[in-house]
Amino acid sequence: MRYILNRDVTTDECHWLGKTIPKGTLVTKYTGPTYGSIDVINGVAVTLSEDGNETPFFELPYSALMTEDGQEVVSPYINFYSNWEIEDD
């Protein structure tokens, strides 16, 4: 899956990035092992390679991504967790 950044992602927002990644940058969903290093609720592992399994990979927030056809990218976990009901003891 290929994504386009819909805004700049700065090192202030994502301290693990070495530099700001500019709006319009094309990234690919990373398909290799991440060893639990990605916060899958809020972000996705991506790479700058076209095939999706080359390192380095890094996390970008879903809110900064859109599909190549302009669709908003949302966490697949948002609907799952929003349906949970918390019961008081």
N, C-alpha and C. Protein backbone atom coordinates (compact mmCIF):
# COMPACT_ATOMS: atom_id res chain seq x y z
N MET A 1 0.85 -1.17 0.00
CA MET A 1 0.00 0.00 0.00
C MET A 1 0.89 1.23 0.00
N ARG A 2 0.62 2.12 -0.91
CA ARG A 2 1.39 3.37 -1.02
C ARG A 2 0.57 4.51 -0.41
N TYR A 3 1.25 5.41 0.28
CA TYR A 3 0.63 6.56 0.90
C TYR A 3 1.34 7.83 0.46
N ILE A 4 0.63 8.95 0.56
CA ILE A 4 1.19 10.27 0.32
C ILE A 4 1.02 11.07 1.59
N LEU A 5 2.05 11.78 2.02
CA LEU A 5 1.90 12.64 3.19
C LEU A 5 1.03 13.84 2.85
N ASN A 6 0.00 14.06 3.66
CA ASN A 6 -0.92 15.18 3.42
C ASN A 6 -0.48 16.45 4.15
N ARG A 7 0.63 16.36 4.88
CA ARG A 7 1.20 17.50 5.60
C ARG A 7 2.63 17.18 5.95
N ASP A 8 3.38 18.19 6.33
CA ASP A 8 4.73 17.95 6.83
C ASP A 8 4.65 17.20 8.15
N VAL A 9 5.57 16.26 8.37
CA VAL A 9 5.70 15.59 9.66
C VAL A 9 7.07 15.99 10.21
N THR A 10 7.04 16.71 11.32
CA THR A 10 8.27 17.29 11.87
C THR A 10 8.87 16.42 12.97
N THR A 11 10.09 16.73 13.31
CA THR A 11 10.75 16.03 14.41
C THR A 11 10.18 16.45 15.76
N ASP A 12 9.49 17.57 15.82
CA ASP A 12 8.80 17.95 17.07
C ASP A 12 7.65 16.98 17.33
N GLU A 13 6.96 16.58 16.28
CA GLU A 13 5.83 15.64 16.41
C GLU A 13 6.33 14.21 16.55
N CYS A 14 7.30 13.83 15.77
CA CYS A 14 7.83 12.46 15.74
C CYS A 14 9.33 12.53 15.98
N HIS A 15 9.71 12.49 17.24
CA HIS A 15 11.10 12.71 17.64
C HIS A 15 12.06 11.68 17.07
N TRP A 16 11.56 10.53 16.64
CA TRP A 16 12.41 9.47 16.09
C TRP A 16 12.84 9.73 14.65
N LEU A 17 12.23 10.71 14.00
CA LEU A 17 12.63 11.03 12.63
C LEU A 17 13.91 11.86 12.65
N GLY A 18 14.77 11.62 11.70
CA GLY A 18 16.02 12.38 11.62
C GLY A 18 15.83 13.77 11.07
N LYS A 19 14.74 13.97 10.33
CA LYS A 19 14.46 15.28 9.74
C LYS A 19 12.97 15.34 9.40
N THR A 20 12.49 16.53 9.10
CA THR A 20 11.10 16.70 8.69
C THR A 20 10.86 15.98 7.37
N ILE A 21 9.74 15.28 7.29
CA ILE A 21 9.36 14.64 6.04
C ILE A 21 8.28 15.53 5.42
N PRO A 22 8.53 16.04 4.22
CA PRO A 22 7.62 17.05 3.65
C PRO A 22 6.33 16.48 3.08
N LYS A 23 5.33 17.33 3.09
CA LYS A 23 4.04 17.04 2.46
C LYS A 23 4.30 16.60 1.02
N GLY A 24 3.56 15.58 0.57
CA GLY A 24 3.69 15.09 -0.80
C GLY A 24 4.66 13.93 -0.96
N THR A 25 5.41 13.61 0.11
CA THR A 25 6.35 12.49 0.04
C THR A 25 5.57 11.18 -0.10
N LEU A 26 6.02 10.31 -1.01
CA LEU A 26 5.43 8.98 -1.18
C LEU A 26 6.13 7.99 -0.28
N VAL A 27 5.37 7.22 0.48
CA VAL A 27 5.91 6.17 1.34
C VAL A 27 5.11 4.90 1.09
N THR A 28 5.66 3.77 1.50
CA THR A 28 5.02 2.47 1.34
C THR A 28 4.87 1.82 2.70
N LYS A 29 3.73 1.17 2.93
CA LYS A 29 3.54 0.44 4.18
C LYS A 29 4.62 -0.63 4.29
N TYR A 30 5.32 -0.64 5.42
CA TYR A 30 6.40 -1.60 5.65
C TYR A 30 5.81 -2.96 5.98
N THR A 31 6.28 -4.01 5.31
CA THR A 31 5.73 -5.35 5.49
C THR A 31 6.63 -6.29 6.26
N GLY A 32 7.79 -5.81 6.67
CA GLY A 32 8.72 -6.65 7.42
C GLY A 32 8.44 -6.60 8.92
N PRO A 33 9.25 -7.29 9.70
CA PRO A 33 9.05 -7.30 11.16
C PRO A 33 9.40 -5.96 11.80
N THR A 34 8.57 -5.55 12.75
CA THR A 34 8.82 -4.31 13.48
C THR A 34 9.12 -4.56 14.96
N TYR A 35 8.97 -5.79 15.40
CA TYR A 35 9.31 -6.19 16.76
C TYR A 35 8.62 -5.34 17.82
N GLY A 36 7.38 -4.95 17.56
CA GLY A 36 6.60 -4.20 18.54
C GLY A 36 6.99 -2.75 18.70
N SER A 37 7.75 -2.22 17.78
CA SER A 37 8.24 -0.85 17.93
C SER A 37 7.27 0.21 17.42
N ILE A 38 6.17 -0.19 16.83
CA ILE A 38 5.22 0.75 16.24
C ILE A 38 3.95 0.83 17.09
N ASP A 39 3.49 2.04 17.35
CA ASP A 39 2.22 2.26 18.04
C ASP A 39 1.11 2.12 17.00
N VAL A 40 0.61 0.89 16.83
CA VAL A 40 -0.33 0.61 15.74
C VAL A 40 -1.70 1.29 15.92
N ILE A 41 -1.99 1.78 17.10
CA ILE A 41 -3.24 2.50 17.32
C ILE A 41 -3.20 3.85 16.60
N ASN A 42 -2.05 4.52 16.66
CA ASN A 42 -1.93 5.87 16.13
C ASN A 42 -1.09 6.00 14.87
N GLY A 43 -0.30 4.98 14.55
CA GLY A 43 0.60 5.10 13.42
C GLY A 43 0.80 3.81 12.67
N VAL A 44 1.56 3.92 11.61
CA VAL A 44 1.85 2.77 10.75
C VAL A 44 3.32 2.80 10.38
N ALA A 45 3.90 1.61 10.25
CA ALA A 45 5.29 1.49 9.82
C ALA A 45 5.36 1.69 8.31
N VAL A 46 6.24 2.57 7.88
CA VAL A 46 6.41 2.85 6.46
C VAL A 46 7.89 2.85 6.10
N THR A 47 8.14 2.80 4.81
CA THR A 47 9.49 2.88 4.28
C THR A 47 9.46 3.73 3.02
N LEU A 48 10.59 4.22 2.64
CA LEU A 48 10.67 5.00 1.40
C LEU A 48 10.85 4.11 0.18
N SER A 49 11.09 2.80 0.40
CA SER A 49 11.25 1.88 -0.73
C SER A 49 9.88 1.58 -1.34
N GLU A 50 9.88 1.22 -2.60
CA GLU A 50 8.61 0.95 -3.29
C GLU A 50 8.03 -0.42 -2.98
N ASP A 51 8.87 -1.39 -2.61
CA ASP A 51 8.35 -2.75 -2.40
C ASP A 51 7.84 -3.00 -0.99
N GLY A 52 8.14 -2.12 -0.04
CA GLY A 52 7.58 -2.23 1.30
C GLY A 52 8.31 -3.12 2.26
N ASN A 53 9.39 -3.78 1.84
CA ASN A 53 10.08 -4.64 2.80
C ASN A 53 11.55 -4.30 2.95
N GLU A 54 11.95 -3.12 2.51
CA GLU A 54 13.33 -2.68 2.71
C GLU A 54 13.41 -1.78 3.93
N THR A 55 14.49 -1.92 4.68
CA THR A 55 14.72 -1.04 5.81
C THR A 55 15.53 0.15 5.34
N PRO A 56 15.55 1.24 6.04
CA PRO A 56 14.92 1.41 7.35
C PRO A 56 13.42 1.66 7.22
N PHE A 57 12.71 1.28 8.27
CA PHE A 57 11.30 1.63 8.37
C PHE A 57 11.16 2.63 9.50
N PHE A 58 10.06 3.35 9.51
CA PHE A 58 9.80 4.32 10.57
C PHE A 58 8.30 4.49 10.69
N GLU A 59 7.88 5.01 11.82
CA GLU A 59 6.45 5.20 12.09
C GLU A 59 6.01 6.60 11.67
N LEU A 60 4.85 6.66 11.03
CA LEU A 60 4.20 7.93 10.74
C LEU A 60 2.77 7.86 11.25
N PRO A 61 2.23 8.98 11.74
CA PRO A 61 0.85 8.98 12.22
C PRO A 61 -0.14 8.83 11.07
N TYR A 62 -1.22 8.09 11.33
CA TYR A 62 -2.27 7.93 10.32
C TYR A 62 -2.78 9.28 9.84
N SER A 63 -2.85 10.25 10.74
CA SER A 63 -3.41 11.56 10.39
C SER A 63 -2.58 12.31 9.34
N ALA A 64 -1.35 11.87 9.12
CA ALA A 64 -0.48 12.53 8.13
C ALA A 64 -0.52 11.85 6.77
N LEU A 65 -1.33 10.79 6.64
CA LEU A 65 -1.31 9.99 5.42
C LEU A 65 -2.63 10.01 4.68
N MET A 66 -2.52 9.88 3.36
CA MET A 66 -3.69 9.63 2.51
C MET A 66 -3.26 8.62 1.45
N THR A 67 -4.24 7.94 0.88
CA THR A 67 -3.95 6.99 -0.17
C THR A 67 -3.61 7.74 -1.45
N GLU A 68 -3.10 7.03 -2.43
CA GLU A 68 -2.74 7.67 -3.69
C GLU A 68 -3.94 8.27 -4.41
N ASP A 69 -5.13 7.75 -4.11
CA ASP A 69 -6.34 8.32 -4.72
C ASP A 69 -7.03 9.35 -3.83
N GLY A 70 -6.31 9.81 -2.78
CA GLY A 70 -6.79 10.92 -1.97
C GLY A 70 -7.68 10.56 -0.79
N GLN A 71 -7.80 9.28 -0.46
CA GLN A 71 -8.63 8.86 0.66
C GLN A 71 -7.88 9.02 1.99
N GLU A 72 -8.60 9.44 3.01
CA GLU A 72 -8.04 9.56 4.35
C GLU A 72 -7.66 8.17 4.86
N VAL A 73 -6.55 8.09 5.57
CA VAL A 73 -6.10 6.83 6.17
C VAL A 73 -6.42 6.90 7.66
N VAL A 74 -7.13 5.89 8.17
CA VAL A 74 -7.46 5.84 9.59
C VAL A 74 -6.99 4.52 10.18
N SER A 75 -6.76 4.54 11.46
CA SER A 75 -6.33 3.33 12.16
C SER A 75 -7.42 2.27 12.09
N PRO A 76 -7.05 1.04 11.76
CA PRO A 76 -8.04 -0.04 11.77
C PRO A 76 -8.53 -0.36 13.18
N TYR A 77 -7.85 0.16 14.19
CA TYR A 77 -8.21 -0.10 15.58
C TYR A 77 -9.20 0.90 16.14
N ILE A 78 -9.39 2.03 15.50
CA ILE A 78 -10.26 3.06 16.04
C ILE A 78 -11.69 2.55 16.21
N ASN A 79 -12.28 1.96 15.20
CA ASN A 79 -13.64 1.44 15.32
C ASN A 79 -13.71 0.29 16.30
N PHE A 80 -12.68 -0.54 16.35
CA PHE A 80 -12.65 -1.67 17.26
C PHE A 80 -12.74 -1.20 18.71
N TYR A 81 -11.90 -0.26 19.09
CA TYR A 81 -11.87 0.21 20.47
C TYR A 81 -13.03 1.15 20.80
N SER A 82 -13.57 1.85 19.81
CA SER A 82 -14.67 2.76 20.09
C SER A 82 -15.95 1.99 20.42
N ASN A 83 -16.01 0.70 20.09
CA ASN A 83 -17.18 -0.11 20.39
C ASN A 83 -17.13 -0.76 21.77
N TRP A 84 -16.02 -0.62 22.46
CA TRP A 84 -15.90 -1.18 23.79
C TRP A 84 -16.75 -0.41 24.79
N GLU A 85 -17.38 -1.11 25.67
CA GLU A 85 -18.14 -0.45 26.74
C GLU A 85 -17.41 -0.71 28.05
N ILE A 86 -17.22 0.34 28.79
CA ILE A 86 -16.54 0.22 30.08
C ILE A 86 -17.61 0.17 31.16
N GLU A 87 -17.55 -0.88 31.95
CA GLU A 87 -18.52 -1.05 33.02
C GLU A 87 -17.93 -0.57 34.33
N ASP A 88 -18.75 0.14 35.11
CA ASP A 88 -18.33 0.54 36.43
C ASP A 88 -18.50 -0.63 37.37
N ASP A 89 -17.55 -0.76 38.29
CA ASP A 89 -17.63 -1.85 39.29
C ASP A 89 -18.59 -1.53 40.40
